Amino acid sequence: MANFVVTYDLNGPRPSHKEMDDHLRKLVANRGRILETVWWVEYPGTAAQLRDQVKTILGNEDLLLVIEARSAAWTKLLVDEKSLIEAWKRAA
């Protein structure tokens, strides 16, 4: 599995942030919010495949960026840092 950073701007009336959170929870089992609209996601496919899965809920006015991440450094995050560290170890 690879590690990805998924970030988005919701600019229309739908989806709401809760709907987006729920959508990501349904797509992948191992994920966590690292900043307000930035998620870390462990996903078995490519960045393009993950983008295509995530964008099914978005409107034309919404923005989305999916980045495959091979290393990371941080200070404080919203996600439990232990789960993130373990995912990086698995991907190494």
PDB file of N, CA and C in Angstrom:
ATOM      1  N   MET A   1       0.836  -1.182   0.000  1.00  0.00           N
ATOM      2  CA  MET A   1       0.000   0.000   0.000  1.00  0.00           C
ATOM      3  C   MET A   1       0.879   1.243   0.000  1.00  0.00           C
ATOM      4  N   ALA A   2       0.409   2.258  -0.640  1.00  0.00           N
ATOM      5  CA  ALA A   2       1.136   3.524  -0.692  1.00  0.00           C
ATOM      6  C   ALA A   2       0.448   4.538   0.220  1.00  0.00           C
ATOM      7  N   ASN A   3       1.208   5.546   0.612  1.00  0.00           N
ATOM      8  CA  ASN A   3       0.679   6.648   1.404  1.00  0.00           C
ATOM      9  C   ASN A   3       0.390   7.830   0.492  1.00  0.00           C
ATOM     10  N   PHE A   4      -0.750   8.440   0.707  1.00  0.00           N
ATOM     11  CA  PHE A   4      -1.149   9.590  -0.096  1.00  0.00           C
ATOM     12  C   PHE A   4      -1.584  10.726   0.813  1.00  0.00           C
ATOM     13  N   VAL A   5      -1.420  11.930   0.293  1.00  0.00           N
ATOM     14  CA  VAL A   5      -1.983  13.116   0.916  1.00  0.00           C
ATOM     15  C   VAL A   5      -3.114  13.569   0.003  1.00  0.00           C
ATOM     16  N   VAL A   6      -4.287  13.723   0.575  1.00  0.00           N
ATOM     17  CA  VAL A   6      -5.466  14.169  -0.164  1.00  0.00           C
ATOM     18  C   VAL A   6      -5.899  15.491   0.457  1.00  0.00           C
ATOM     19  N   THR A   7      -5.989  16.519  -0.369  1.00  0.00           N
ATOM     20  CA  THR A   7      -6.430  17.816   0.117  1.00  0.00           C
ATOM     21  C   THR A   7      -7.446  18.391  -0.863  1.00  0.00           C
ATOM     22  N   TYR A   8      -8.353  19.189  -0.338  1.00  0.00           N
ATOM     23  CA  TYR A   8      -9.440  19.686  -1.178  1.00  0.00           C
ATOM     24  C   TYR A   8      -9.957  21.021  -0.644  1.00  0.00           C
ATOM     25  N   ASP A   9     -10.607  21.756  -1.534  1.00  0.00           N
ATOM     26  CA  ASP A   9     -11.380  22.950  -1.186  1.00  0.00           C
ATOM     27  C   ASP A   9     -12.800  22.706  -1.660  1.00  0.00           C
ATOM     28  N   LEU A  10     -13.739  22.814  -0.750  1.00  0.00           N
ATOM     29  CA  LEU A  10     -15.155  22.661  -1.099  1.00  0.00           C
ATOM     30  C   LEU A  10     -15.732  24.051  -1.305  1.00  0.00           C
ATOM     31  N   ASN A  11     -16.079  24.369  -2.545  1.00  0.00           N
ATOM     32  CA  ASN A  11     -16.517  25.721  -2.889  1.00  0.00           C
ATOM     33  C   ASN A  11     -17.999  25.833  -3.226  1.00  0.00           C
ATOM     34  N   GLY A  12     -18.703  24.735  -3.261  1.00  0.00           N
ATOM     35  CA  GLY A  12     -20.123  24.755  -3.577  1.00  0.00           C
ATOM     36  C   GLY A  12     -20.955  24.365  -2.374  1.00  0.00           C
ATOM     37  N   PRO A  13     -22.251  24.281  -2.553  1.00  0.00           N
ATOM     38  CA  PRO A  13     -23.128  23.921  -1.438  1.00  0.00           C
ATOM     39  C   PRO A  13     -22.998  22.465  -1.016  1.00  0.00           C
ATOM     40  N   ARG A  14     -22.575  21.603  -1.923  1.00  0.00           N
ATOM     41  CA  ARG A  14     -22.407  20.179  -1.633  1.00  0.00           C
ATOM     42  C   ARG A  14     -21.146  19.705  -2.309  1.00  0.00           C
ATOM     43  N   PRO A  15     -20.420  18.817  -1.732  1.00  0.00           N
ATOM     44  CA  PRO A  15     -20.699  18.155  -0.468  1.00  0.00           C
ATOM     45  C   PRO A  15     -20.326  19.047   0.720  1.00  0.00           C
ATOM     46  N   SER A  16     -20.910  18.732   1.842  1.00  0.00           N
ATOM     47  CA  SER A  16     -20.512  19.388   3.084  1.00  0.00           C
ATOM     48  C   SER A  16     -19.207  18.741   3.561  1.00  0.00           C
ATOM     49  N   HIS A  17     -18.574  19.342   4.532  1.00  0.00           N
ATOM     50  CA  HIS A  17     -17.356  18.737   5.077  1.00  0.00           C
ATOM     51  C   HIS A  17     -17.659  17.382   5.708  1.00  0.00           C
ATOM     52  N   LYS A  18     -18.797  17.249   6.351  1.00  0.00           N
ATOM     53  CA  LYS A  18     -19.163  15.956   6.935  1.00  0.00           C
ATOM     54  C   LYS A  18     -19.370  14.910   5.848  1.00  0.00           C
ATOM     55  N   GLU A  19     -20.036  15.289   4.762  1.00  0.00           N
ATOM     56  CA  GLU A  19     -20.236  14.352   3.652  1.00  0.00           C
ATOM     57  C   GLU A  19     -18.896  13.922   3.052  1.00  0.00           C
ATOM     58  N   MET A  20     -17.962  14.854   2.956  1.00  0.00           N
ATOM     59  CA  MET A  20     -16.642  14.523   2.436  1.00  0.00           C
ATOM     60  C   MET A  20     -15.914  13.581   3.394  1.00  0.00           C
ATOM     61  N   ASP A  21     -15.993  13.855   4.691  1.00  0.00           N
ATOM     62  CA  ASP A  21     -15.389  12.966   5.695  1.00  0.00           C
ATOM     63  C   ASP A  21     -15.957  11.555   5.575  1.00  0.00           C
ATOM     64  N   ASP A  22     -17.265  11.455   5.484  1.00  0.00           N
ATOM     65  CA  ASP A  22     -17.915  10.150   5.372  1.00  0.00           C
ATOM     66  C   ASP A  22     -17.503   9.426   4.090  1.00  0.00           C
ATOM     67  N   HIS A  23     -17.390  10.176   3.007  1.00  0.00           N
ATOM     68  CA  HIS A  23     -16.979   9.603   1.716  1.00  0.00           C
ATOM     69  C   HIS A  23     -15.579   8.996   1.827  1.00  0.00           C
ATOM     70  N   LEU A  24     -14.652   9.721   2.436  1.00  0.00           N
ATOM     71  CA  LEU A  24     -13.289   9.202   2.594  1.00  0.00           C
ATOM     72  C   LEU A  24     -13.263   7.980   3.504  1.00  0.00           C
ATOM     73  N   ARG A  25     -14.079   7.991   4.538  1.00  0.00           N
ATOM     74  CA  ARG A  25     -14.143   6.841   5.443  1.00  0.00           C
ATOM     75  C   ARG A  25     -14.636   5.589   4.716  1.00  0.00           C
ATOM     76  N   LYS A  26     -15.563   5.760   3.779  1.00  0.00           N
ATOM     77  CA  LYS A  26     -16.075   4.623   3.016  1.00  0.00           C
ATOM     78  C   LYS A  26     -15.061   4.105   1.993  1.00  0.00           C
ATOM     79  N   LEU A  27     -14.235   5.013   1.463  1.00  0.00           N
ATOM     80  CA  LEU A  27     -13.275   4.631   0.423  1.00  0.00           C
ATOM     81  C   LEU A  27     -12.086   3.841   0.953  1.00  0.00           C
ATOM     82  N   VAL A  28     -11.584   4.235   2.107  1.00  0.00           N
ATOM     83  CA  VAL A  28     -10.352   3.625   2.621  1.00  0.00           C
ATOM     84  C   VAL A  28     -10.473   3.355   4.110  1.00  0.00           C
ATOM     85  N   ALA A  29      -9.901   2.234   4.531  1.00  0.00           N
ATOM     86  CA  ALA A  29      -9.969   1.861   5.945  1.00  0.00           C
ATOM     87  C   ALA A  29      -8.949   2.612   6.783  1.00  0.00           C
ATOM     88  N   ASN A  30      -7.757   2.796   6.246  1.00  0.00           N
ATOM     89  CA  ASN A  30      -6.684   3.404   7.021  1.00  0.00           C
ATOM     90  C   ASN A  30      -6.432   4.819   6.523  1.00  0.00           C
ATOM     91  N   ARG A  31      -6.921   5.788   7.280  1.00  0.00           N
ATOM     92  CA  ARG A  31      -6.795   7.186   6.897  1.00  0.00           C
ATOM     93  C   ARG A  31      -6.944   8.029   8.147  1.00  0.00           C
ATOM     94  N   GLY A  32      -6.571   9.285   8.029  1.00  0.00           N
ATOM     95  CA  GLY A  32      -6.737  10.208   9.139  1.00  0.00           C
ATOM     96  C   GLY A  32      -6.599  11.638   8.671  1.00  0.00           C
ATOM     97  N   ARG A  33      -7.342  12.495   9.306  1.00  0.00           N
ATOM     98  CA  ARG A  33      -7.255  13.922   8.990  1.00  0.00           C
ATOM     99  C   ARG A  33      -5.971  14.446   9.623  1.00  0.00           C
ATOM    100  N   ILE A  34      -5.114  15.060   8.816  1.00  0.00           N
ATOM    101  CA  ILE A  34      -3.875  15.588   9.368  1.00  0.00           C
ATOM    102  C   ILE A  34      -3.927  17.102   9.552  1.00  0.00           C
ATOM    103  N   LEU A  35      -4.708  17.773   8.734  1.00  0.00           N
ATOM    104  CA  LEU A  35      -5.014  19.195   8.895  1.00  0.00           C
ATOM    105  C   LEU A  35      -6.491  19.364   8.516  1.00  0.00           C
ATOM    106  N   GLU A  36      -7.008  20.553   8.575  1.00  0.00           N
ATOM    107  CA  GLU A  36      -8.455  20.749   8.444  1.00  0.00           C
ATOM    108  C   GLU A  36      -9.054  20.087   7.198  1.00  0.00           C
ATOM    109  N   THR A  37      -8.516  20.326   6.032  1.00  0.00           N
ATOM    110  CA  THR A  37      -9.025  19.668   4.814  1.00  0.00           C
ATOM    111  C   THR A  37      -7.895  18.916   4.116  1.00  0.00           C
ATOM    112  N   VAL A  38      -7.047  18.310   4.912  1.00  0.00           N
ATOM    113  CA  VAL A  38      -5.927  17.508   4.412  1.00  0.00           C
ATOM    114  C   VAL A  38      -5.974  16.162   5.120  1.00  0.00           C
ATOM    115  N   TRP A  39      -5.965  15.095   4.337  1.00  0.00           N
ATOM    116  CA  TRP A  39      -6.026  13.746   4.881  1.00  0.00           C
ATOM    117  C   TRP A  39      -4.801  12.963   4.458  1.00  0.00           C
ATOM    118  N   TRP A  40      -4.364  12.076   5.326  1.00  0.00           N
ATOM    119  CA  TRP A  40      -3.415  11.034   4.978  1.00  0.00           C
ATOM    120  C   TRP A  40      -4.257   9.798   4.702  1.00  0.00           C
ATOM    121  N   VAL A  41      -3.930   9.104   3.605  1.00  0.00           N
ATOM    122  CA  VAL A  41      -4.690   7.930   3.182  1.00  0.00           C
ATOM    123  C   VAL A  41      -3.711   6.839   2.771  1.00  0.00           C
ATOM    124  N   GLU A  42      -3.939   5.635   3.252  1.00  0.00           N
ATOM    125  CA  GLU A  42      -3.199   4.465   2.788  1.00  0.00           C
ATOM    126  C   GLU A  42      -4.096   3.787   1.751  1.00  0.00           C
ATOM    127  N   TYR A  43      -3.580   3.623   0.533  1.00  0.00           N
ATOM    128  CA  TYR A  43      -4.423   3.169  -0.579  1.00  0.00           C
ATOM    129  C   TYR A  43      -3.619   2.218  -1.468  1.00  0.00           C
ATOM    130  N   PRO A  44      -4.240   1.144  -1.965  1.00  0.00           N
ATOM    131  CA  PRO A  44      -3.500   0.154  -2.753  1.00  0.00           C
ATOM    132  C   PRO A  44      -3.269   0.539  -4.213  1.00  0.00           C
ATOM    133  N   GLY A  45      -3.906   1.582  -4.692  1.00  0.00           N
ATOM    134  CA  GLY A  45      -3.785   1.955  -6.097  1.00  0.00           C
ATOM    135  C   GLY A  45      -2.874   3.147  -6.316  1.00  0.00           C
ATOM    136  N   THR A  46      -3.080   3.809  -7.448  1.00  0.00           N
ATOM    137  CA  THR A  46      -2.281   4.970  -7.830  1.00  0.00           C
ATOM    138  C   THR A  46      -2.958   6.261  -7.370  1.00  0.00           C
ATOM    139  N   ALA A  47      -2.224   7.346  -7.481  1.00  0.00           N
ATOM    140  CA  ALA A  47      -2.787   8.662  -7.157  1.00  0.00           C
ATOM    141  C   ALA A  47      -3.983   8.972  -8.065  1.00  0.00           C
ATOM    142  N   ALA A  48      -3.872   8.636  -9.335  1.00  0.00           N
ATOM    143  CA  ALA A  48      -4.970   8.889 -10.275  1.00  0.00           C
ATOM    144  C   ALA A  48      -6.209   8.066  -9.922  1.00  0.00           C
ATOM    145  N   GLN A  49      -6.003   6.814  -9.515  1.00  0.00           N
ATOM    146  CA  GLN A  49      -7.136   5.976  -9.124  1.00  0.00           C
ATOM    147  C   GLN A  49      -7.811   6.508  -7.871  1.00  0.00           C
ATOM    148  N   LEU A  50      -7.014   6.940  -6.908  1.00  0.00           N
ATOM    149  CA  LEU A  50      -7.585   7.514  -5.690  1.00  0.00           C
ATOM    150  C   LEU A  50      -8.310   8.811  -6.012  1.00  0.00           C
ATOM    151  N   ARG A  51      -7.713   9.656  -6.840  1.00  0.00           N
ATOM    152  CA  ARG A  51      -8.370  10.897  -7.270  1.00  0.00           C
ATOM    153  C   ARG A  51      -9.737  10.602  -7.878  1.00  0.00           C
ATOM    154  N   ASP A  52      -9.788   9.612  -8.752  1.00  0.00           N
ATOM    155  CA  ASP A  52     -11.047   9.278  -9.420  1.00  0.00           C
ATOM    156  C   ASP A  52     -12.101   8.809  -8.428  1.00  0.00           C
ATOM    157  N   GLN A  53     -11.692   8.093  -7.383  1.00  0.00           N
ATOM    158  CA  GLN A  53     -12.628   7.646  -6.350  1.00  0.00           C
ATOM    159  C   GLN A  53     -13.121   8.825  -5.505  1.00  0.00           C
ATOM    160  N   VAL A  54     -12.203   9.693  -5.143  1.00  0.00           N
ATOM    161  CA  VAL A  54     -12.571  10.835  -4.283  1.00  0.00           C
ATOM    162  C   VAL A  54     -13.456  11.818  -5.039  1.00  0.00           C
ATOM    163  N   LYS A  55     -13.146  12.083  -6.287  1.00  0.00           N
ATOM    164  CA  LYS A  55     -13.847  13.147  -7.021  1.00  0.00           C
ATOM    165  C   LYS A  55     -15.302  12.818  -7.355  1.00  0.00           C
ATOM    166  N   THR A  56     -15.727  11.572  -7.154  1.00  0.00           N
ATOM    167  CA  THR A  56     -17.105  11.218  -7.483  1.00  0.00           C
ATOM    168  C   THR A  56     -18.114  12.003  -6.658  1.00  0.00           C
ATOM    169  N   ILE A  57     -17.724  12.531  -5.522  1.00  0.00           N
ATOM    170  CA  ILE A  57     -18.637  13.290  -4.666  1.00  0.00           C
ATOM    171  C   ILE A  57     -18.537  14.801  -4.901  1.00  0.00           C
ATOM    172  N   LEU A  58     -17.505  15.244  -5.605  1.00  0.00           N
ATOM    173  CA  LEU A  58     -17.235  16.672  -5.749  1.00  0.00           C
ATOM    174  C   LEU A  58     -18.035  17.322  -6.870  1.00  0.00           C
ATOM    175  N   GLY A  59     -18.281  18.610  -6.714  1.00  0.00           N
ATOM    176  CA  GLY A  59     -18.903  19.405  -7.764  1.00  0.00           C
ATOM    177  C   GLY A  59     -17.841  20.029  -8.649  1.00  0.00           C
ATOM    178  N   ASN A  60     -18.264  20.649  -9.743  1.00  0.00           N
ATOM    179  CA  ASN A  60     -17.333  21.270 -10.693  1.00  0.00           C
ATOM    180  C   ASN A  60     -16.534  22.411 -10.074  1.00  0.00           C
ATOM    181  N   GLU A  61     -17.065  23.052  -9.048  1.00  0.00           N
ATOM    182  CA  GLU A  61     -16.400  24.192  -8.430  1.00  0.00           C
ATOM    183  C   GLU A  61     -15.406  23.789  -7.334  1.00  0.00           C
ATOM    184  N   ASP A  62     -15.379  22.516  -6.969  1.00  0.00           N
ATOM    185  CA  ASP A  62     -14.500  22.039  -5.911  1.00  0.00           C
ATOM    186  C   ASP A  62     -13.110  21.717  -6.462  1.00  0.00           C
ATOM    187  N   LEU A  63     -12.119  21.798  -5.588  1.00  0.00           N
ATOM    188  CA  LEU A  63     -10.730  21.551  -5.959  1.00  0.00           C
ATOM    189  C   LEU A  63     -10.217  20.317  -5.220  1.00  0.00           C
ATOM    190  N   LEU A  64      -9.314  19.574  -5.848  1.00  0.00           N
ATOM    191  CA  LEU A  64      -8.805  18.339  -5.256  1.00  0.00           C
ATOM    192  C   LEU A  64      -7.362  18.130  -5.689  1.00  0.00           C
ATOM    193  N   LEU A  65      -6.527  17.716  -4.748  1.00  0.00           N
ATOM    194  CA  LEU A  65      -5.146  17.363  -5.034  1.00  0.00           C
ATOM    195  C   LEU A  65      -4.820  16.069  -4.293  1.00  0.00           C
ATOM    196  N   VAL A  66      -4.276  15.087  -5.013  1.00  0.00           N
ATOM    197  CA  VAL A  66      -3.859  13.813  -4.438  1.00  0.00           C
ATOM    198  C   VAL A  66      -2.377  13.645  -4.748  1.00  0.00           C
ATOM    199  N   ILE A  67      -1.584  13.436  -3.705  1.00  0.00           N
ATOM    200  CA  ILE A  67      -0.135  13.315  -3.851  1.00  0.00           C
ATOM    201  C   ILE A  67       0.321  12.004  -3.224  1.00  0.00           C
ATOM    202  N   GLU A  68       1.092  11.211  -3.975  1.00  0.00           N
ATOM    203  CA  GLU A  68       1.712  10.044  -3.358  1.00  0.00           C
ATOM    204  C   GLU A  68       2.905  10.537  -2.541  1.00  0.00           C
ATOM    205  N   ALA A  69       2.968  10.124  -1.295  1.00  0.00           N
ATOM    206  CA  ALA A  69       4.002  10.602  -0.380  1.00  0.00           C
ATOM    207  C   ALA A  69       4.904   9.453   0.040  1.00  0.00           C
ATOM    208  N   ARG A  70       6.182   9.628  -0.120  1.00  0.00           N
ATOM    209  CA  ARG A  70       7.151   8.589   0.233  1.00  0.00           C
ATOM    210  C   ARG A  70       7.884   8.880   1.537  1.00  0.00           C
ATOM    211  N   SER A  71       7.862  10.105   1.982  1.00  0.00           N
ATOM    212  CA  SER A  71       8.449  10.443   3.278  1.00  0.00           C
ATOM    213  C   SER A  71       7.721  11.675   3.807  1.00  0.00           C
ATOM    214  N   ALA A  72       7.867  11.890   5.099  1.00  0.00           N
ATOM    215  CA  ALA A  72       7.173  13.017   5.702  1.00  0.00           C
ATOM    216  C   ALA A  72       7.883  13.449   6.982  1.00  0.00           C
ATOM    217  N   ALA A  73       7.664  14.678   7.346  1.00  0.00           N
ATOM    218  CA  ALA A  73       8.136  15.209   8.622  1.00  0.00           C
ATOM    219  C   ALA A  73       7.058  16.163   9.106  1.00  0.00           C
ATOM    220  N   TRP A  74       6.809  16.199  10.410  1.00  0.00           N
ATOM    221  CA  TRP A  74       5.739  17.037  10.932  1.00  0.00           C
ATOM    222  C   TRP A  74       6.020  17.428  12.368  1.00  0.00           C
ATOM    223  N   THR A  75       5.212  18.363  12.843  1.00  0.00           N
ATOM    224  CA  THR A  75       5.277  18.748  14.251  1.00  0.00           C
ATOM    225  C   THR A  75       4.067  18.179  14.965  1.00  0.00           C
ATOM    226  N   LYS A  76       2.901  18.741  14.727  1.00  0.00           N
ATOM    227  CA  LYS A  76       1.661  18.255  15.340  1.00  0.00           C
ATOM    228  C   LYS A  76       0.631  18.052  14.239  1.00  0.00           C
ATOM    229  N   LEU A  77      -0.136  16.975  14.392  1.00  0.00           N
ATOM    230  CA  LEU A  77      -1.175  16.669  13.416  1.00  0.00           C
ATOM    231  C   LEU A  77      -2.460  16.307  14.134  1.00  0.00           C
ATOM    232  N   LEU A  78      -3.553  16.326  13.413  1.00  0.00           N
ATOM    233  CA  LEU A  78      -4.832  15.923  13.972  1.00  0.00           C
ATOM    234  C   LEU A  78      -4.964  14.407  14.066  1.00  0.00           C
ATOM    235  N   VAL A  79      -4.280  13.673  13.186  1.00  0.00           N
ATOM    236  CA  VAL A  79      -4.350  12.215  13.181  1.00  0.00           C
ATOM    237  C   VAL A  79      -3.472  11.667  14.310  1.00  0.00           C
ATOM    238  N   ASP A  80      -3.837  10.499  14.808  1.00  0.00           N
ATOM    239  CA  ASP A  80      -3.006   9.812  15.790  1.00  0.00           C
ATOM    240  C   ASP A  80      -1.662   9.509  15.149  1.00  0.00           C
ATOM    241  N   GLU A  81      -0.611  10.037  15.712  1.00  0.00           N
ATOM    242  CA  GLU A  81       0.708   9.920  15.095  1.00  0.00           C
ATOM    243  C   GLU A  81       1.216   8.479  15.031  1.00  0.00           C
ATOM    244  N   LYS A  82       0.819   7.623  15.971  1.00  0.00           N
ATOM    245  CA  LYS A  82       1.259   6.219  15.943  1.00  0.00           C
ATOM    246  C   LYS A  82       0.785   5.514  14.676  1.00  0.00           C
ATOM    247  N   SER A  83      -0.478   5.722  14.311  1.00  0.00           N
ATOM    248  CA  SER A  83      -0.999   5.049  13.113  1.00  0.00           C
ATOM    249  C   SER A  83      -0.301   5.559  11.859  1.00  0.00           C
ATOM    250  N   LEU A  84       0.016   6.830  11.823  1.00  0.00           N
ATOM    251  CA  LEU A  84       0.712   7.398  10.675  1.00  0.00           C
ATOM    252  C   LEU A  84       2.133   6.858  10.591  1.00  0.00           C
ATOM    253  N   ILE A  85       2.828   6.788  11.682  1.00  0.00           N
ATOM    254  CA  ILE A  85       4.190   6.245  11.717  1.00  0.00           C
ATOM    255  C   ILE A  85       4.201   4.797  11.256  1.00  0.00           C
ATOM    256  N   GLU A  86       3.258   4.011  11.726  1.00  0.00           N
ATOM    257  CA  GLU A  86       3.185   2.596  11.325  1.00  0.00           C
ATOM    258  C   GLU A  86       2.937   2.458   9.818  1.00  0.00           C
ATOM    259  N   ALA A  87       2.094   3.306   9.266  1.00  0.00           N
ATOM    260  CA  ALA A  87       1.822   3.251   7.822  1.00  0.00           C
ATOM    261  C   ALA A  87       3.067   3.592   7.020  1.00  0.00           C
ATOM    262  N   TRP A  88       3.848   4.580   7.453  1.00  0.00           N
ATOM    263  CA  TRP A  88       5.080   4.934   6.756  1.00  0.00           C
ATOM    264  C   TRP A  88       6.051   3.763   6.800  1.00  0.00           C
ATOM    265  N   LYS A  89       6.125   3.060   7.945  1.00  0.00           N
ATOM    266  CA  LYS A  89       7.017   1.906   8.065  1.00  0.00           C
ATOM    267  C   LYS A  89       6.601   0.799   7.100  1.00  0.00           C
ATOM    268  N   ARG A  90       5.293   0.547   6.981  1.00  0.00           N
ATOM    269  CA  ARG A  90       4.808  -0.500   6.070  1.00  0.00           C
ATOM    270  C   ARG A  90       5.132  -0.170   4.616  1.00  0.00           C
ATOM    271  N   ALA A  91       5.079   1.104   4.282  1.00  0.00           N
ATOM    272  CA  ALA A  91       5.299   1.521   2.897  1.00  0.00           C
ATOM    273  C   ALA A  91       6.780   1.544   2.533  1.00  0.00           C
ATOM    274  N   ALA A  92       7.642   1.566   3.519  1.00  0.00           N
ATOM    275  CA  ALA A  92       9.098   1.674   3.256  1.00  0.00           C
ATOM    276  C   ALA A  92       9.656   0.407   2.644  1.00  0.00           C
TER     277      ALA A  92
END
